[in-house]
Amino acid sequence: MTFTEFLQTRNVTDSPRGAFIAEAKTLINAGVFPQVNAWPELYRFLIRRHASTETISLVRQLWRKFESVGVPA
């Protein structure tokens, strides 16, 4: 499972996390969300998009959850 596939399985809720997931799904559907294989790649993407510290922290939590599900080798 890729991180983008993982994001597609997440529910959008009325929260900052849900707002990020909604935006990420929009970017995925538009074909502009990168295929990332490591946290530093995702972090660089967030920095380029001027993500807030709160958003980066939330996405870091999502990345950890993604890693716990099992990233293919």
N, C-alpha and C. Protein backbone atom coordinates (compact mmCIF):
# COMPACT_ATOMS: atom_id res chain seq x y z
N MET A 1 0.85 -1.17 0.00
CA MET A 1 0.00 0.00 0.00
C MET A 1 0.90 1.24 0.00
N THR A 2 0.60 2.17 -0.87
CA THR A 2 1.33 3.44 -0.89
C THR A 2 0.68 4.42 0.07
N PHE A 3 1.38 5.51 0.34
CA PHE A 3 0.82 6.51 1.23
C PHE A 3 -0.43 7.14 0.62
N THR A 4 -0.43 7.35 -0.69
CA THR A 4 -1.63 7.91 -1.32
C THR A 4 -2.80 6.95 -1.21
N GLU A 5 -2.55 5.66 -1.37
CA GLU A 5 -3.62 4.67 -1.19
C GLU A 5 -4.12 4.68 0.25
N PHE A 6 -3.18 4.81 1.19
CA PHE A 6 -3.53 4.89 2.60
C PHE A 6 -4.44 6.10 2.86
N LEU A 7 -4.05 7.25 2.30
CA LEU A 7 -4.87 8.46 2.49
C LEU A 7 -6.27 8.27 1.92
N GLN A 8 -6.37 7.58 0.81
CA GLN A 8 -7.68 7.37 0.19
C GLN A 8 -8.60 6.54 1.09
N THR A 9 -8.04 5.75 2.02
CA THR A 9 -8.86 4.93 2.92
C THR A 9 -9.30 5.70 4.17
N ARG A 10 -8.73 6.88 4.40
CA ARG A 10 -9.05 7.67 5.59
C ARG A 10 -10.36 8.43 5.38
N ASN A 11 -11.10 8.57 6.45
CA ASN A 11 -12.35 9.33 6.41
C ASN A 11 -12.10 10.81 6.63
N VAL A 12 -12.85 11.62 5.92
CA VAL A 12 -12.79 13.07 6.11
C VAL A 12 -13.74 13.42 7.25
N THR A 13 -13.20 14.07 8.26
CA THR A 13 -13.99 14.49 9.41
C THR A 13 -13.89 16.01 9.56
N ASP A 14 -14.71 16.55 10.41
CA ASP A 14 -14.70 17.99 10.67
C ASP A 14 -13.63 18.29 11.71
N SER A 15 -12.39 18.26 11.27
CA SER A 15 -11.24 18.48 12.14
C SER A 15 -10.07 18.94 11.27
N PRO A 16 -9.00 19.43 11.89
CA PRO A 16 -7.83 19.79 11.09
C PRO A 16 -7.28 18.59 10.31
N ARG A 17 -7.30 17.42 10.93
CA ARG A 17 -6.84 16.21 10.24
C ARG A 17 -7.74 15.92 9.04
N GLY A 18 -9.04 16.02 9.25
CA GLY A 18 -9.98 15.79 8.16
C GLY A 18 -9.81 16.78 7.03
N ALA A 19 -9.49 18.03 7.39
CA ALA A 19 -9.26 19.05 6.37
C ALA A 19 -8.05 18.69 5.53
N PHE A 20 -6.98 18.21 6.17
CA PHE A 20 -5.81 17.78 5.40
C PHE A 20 -6.15 16.61 4.50
N ILE A 21 -6.86 15.63 5.03
CA ILE A 21 -7.21 14.45 4.24
C ILE A 21 -8.07 14.85 3.04
N ALA A 22 -9.01 15.75 3.25
CA ALA A 22 -9.85 16.23 2.15
C ALA A 22 -8.99 16.90 1.08
N GLU A 23 -8.08 17.76 1.50
CA GLU A 23 -7.22 18.44 0.54
C GLU A 23 -6.31 17.44 -0.18
N ALA A 24 -5.76 16.50 0.58
CA ALA A 24 -4.88 15.49 -0.02
C ALA A 24 -5.63 14.66 -1.07
N LYS A 25 -6.85 14.27 -0.76
CA LYS A 25 -7.64 13.49 -1.72
C LYS A 25 -7.91 14.30 -2.99
N THR A 26 -8.16 15.58 -2.83
CA THR A 26 -8.35 16.45 -4.00
C THR A 26 -7.08 16.49 -4.84
N LEU A 27 -5.92 16.65 -4.18
CA LEU A 27 -4.65 16.69 -4.90
C LEU A 27 -4.33 15.34 -5.55
N ILE A 28 -4.66 14.26 -4.88
CA ILE A 28 -4.45 12.92 -5.44
C ILE A 28 -5.30 12.76 -6.71
N ASN A 29 -6.57 13.13 -6.61
CA ASN A 29 -7.46 13.01 -7.76
C ASN A 29 -7.03 13.90 -8.92
N ALA A 30 -6.39 15.02 -8.62
CA ALA A 30 -5.89 15.92 -9.65
C ALA A 30 -4.53 15.46 -10.20
N GLY A 31 -3.96 14.46 -9.57
CA GLY A 31 -2.67 13.93 -10.02
C GLY A 31 -1.47 14.76 -9.62
N VAL A 32 -1.62 15.59 -8.59
CA VAL A 32 -0.51 16.45 -8.18
C VAL A 32 0.05 16.11 -6.79
N PHE A 33 -0.51 15.12 -6.12
CA PHE A 33 0.05 14.69 -4.85
C PHE A 33 1.16 13.69 -5.16
N PRO A 34 2.36 13.90 -4.62
CA PRO A 34 3.49 13.03 -5.01
C PRO A 34 3.39 11.63 -4.42
N GLN A 35 3.98 10.69 -5.13
CA GLN A 35 4.17 9.35 -4.58
C GLN A 35 5.40 9.43 -3.69
N VAL A 36 5.21 9.35 -2.40
CA VAL A 36 6.32 9.48 -1.46
C VAL A 36 6.63 8.13 -0.85
N ASN A 37 7.93 7.91 -0.62
CA ASN A 37 8.37 6.64 -0.05
C ASN A 37 9.00 6.80 1.32
N ALA A 38 9.17 8.04 1.76
CA ALA A 38 9.79 8.31 3.06
C ALA A 38 9.28 9.63 3.61
N TRP A 39 9.31 9.74 4.93
CA TRP A 39 8.84 10.95 5.58
C TRP A 39 9.54 12.21 5.06
N PRO A 40 10.88 12.22 4.87
CA PRO A 40 11.51 13.45 4.39
C PRO A 40 10.94 13.95 3.05
N GLU A 41 10.56 13.05 2.17
CA GLU A 41 9.95 13.45 0.90
C GLU A 41 8.61 14.14 1.14
N LEU A 42 7.80 13.56 2.01
CA LEU A 42 6.50 14.14 2.33
C LEU A 42 6.68 15.48 3.04
N TYR A 43 7.64 15.54 3.95
CA TYR A 43 7.92 16.78 4.67
C TYR A 43 8.30 17.89 3.69
N ARG A 44 9.16 17.60 2.72
CA ARG A 44 9.56 18.60 1.73
C ARG A 44 8.34 19.09 0.93
N PHE A 45 7.45 18.17 0.58
CA PHE A 45 6.22 18.54 -0.13
C PHE A 45 5.39 19.51 0.72
N LEU A 46 5.25 19.21 2.00
CA LEU A 46 4.47 20.07 2.90
C LEU A 46 5.10 21.44 3.04
N ILE A 47 6.41 21.48 3.16
CA ILE A 47 7.12 22.76 3.28
C ILE A 47 6.92 23.59 2.01
N ARG A 48 7.02 22.96 0.84
CA ARG A 48 6.83 23.68 -0.42
C ARG A 48 5.41 24.25 -0.52
N ARG A 49 4.45 23.59 0.12
CA ARG A 49 3.06 24.06 0.09
C ARG A 49 2.76 25.00 1.26
N HIS A 50 3.80 25.35 2.02
CA HIS A 50 3.68 26.30 3.15
C HIS A 50 2.69 25.79 4.21
N ALA A 51 2.77 24.50 4.51
CA ALA A 51 1.91 23.91 5.53
C ALA A 51 2.26 24.47 6.90
N SER A 52 1.24 24.61 7.72
CA SER A 52 1.46 25.10 9.08
C SER A 52 2.14 24.03 9.93
N THR A 53 2.68 24.47 11.05
CA THR A 53 3.31 23.54 11.99
C THR A 53 2.30 22.51 12.46
N GLU A 54 1.07 22.94 12.70
CA GLU A 54 0.01 22.03 13.13
C GLU A 54 -0.26 20.97 12.05
N THR A 55 -0.34 21.40 10.81
CA THR A 55 -0.59 20.46 9.71
C THR A 55 0.55 19.46 9.60
N ILE A 56 1.78 19.94 9.67
CA ILE A 56 2.94 19.04 9.58
C ILE A 56 2.89 18.02 10.70
N SER A 57 2.53 18.44 11.90
CA SER A 57 2.42 17.51 13.03
C SER A 57 1.33 16.46 12.78
N LEU A 58 0.19 16.90 12.26
CA LEU A 58 -0.91 15.97 11.97
C LEU A 58 -0.51 14.97 10.89
N VAL A 59 0.17 15.46 9.86
CA VAL A 59 0.59 14.58 8.77
C VAL A 59 1.65 13.61 9.27
N ARG A 60 2.52 14.07 10.16
CA ARG A 60 3.52 13.16 10.74
C ARG A 60 2.82 12.02 11.48
N GLN A 61 1.75 12.31 12.20
CA GLN A 61 0.97 11.27 12.88
C GLN A 61 0.37 10.30 11.87
N LEU A 62 -0.16 10.84 10.77
CA LEU A 62 -0.71 9.98 9.72
C LEU A 62 0.38 9.09 9.12
N TRP A 63 1.57 9.68 8.90
CA TRP A 63 2.68 8.89 8.35
C TRP A 63 3.04 7.75 9.29
N ARG A 64 3.09 8.02 10.58
CA ARG A 64 3.40 6.96 11.57
C ARG A 64 2.33 5.87 11.54
N LYS A 65 1.08 6.26 11.41
CA LYS A 65 -0.01 5.28 11.30
C LYS A 65 0.18 4.45 10.04
N PHE A 66 0.51 5.10 8.93
CA PHE A 66 0.78 4.42 7.67
C PHE A 66 1.91 3.41 7.84
N GLU A 67 2.99 3.81 8.50
CA GLU A 67 4.11 2.90 8.73
C GLU A 67 3.70 1.71 9.59
N SER A 68 2.81 1.93 10.55
CA SER A 68 2.39 0.84 11.44
C SER A 68 1.53 -0.18 10.71
N VAL A 69 0.85 0.27 9.63
CA VAL A 69 0.02 -0.64 8.83
C VAL A 69 0.91 -1.59 8.05
N GLY A 70 2.08 -1.12 7.70
CA GLY A 70 3.03 -1.96 6.98
C GLY A 70 3.30 -1.43 5.58
N VAL A 71 4.48 -0.88 5.43
CA VAL A 71 4.90 -0.36 4.14
C VAL A 71 5.56 -1.50 3.37
N PRO A 72 5.18 -1.72 2.11
CA PRO A 72 5.82 -2.79 1.36
C PRO A 72 7.31 -2.51 1.16
N ALA A 73 8.10 -3.55 1.21
CA ALA A 73 9.56 -3.41 1.07
C ALA A 73 9.94 -3.22 -0.38
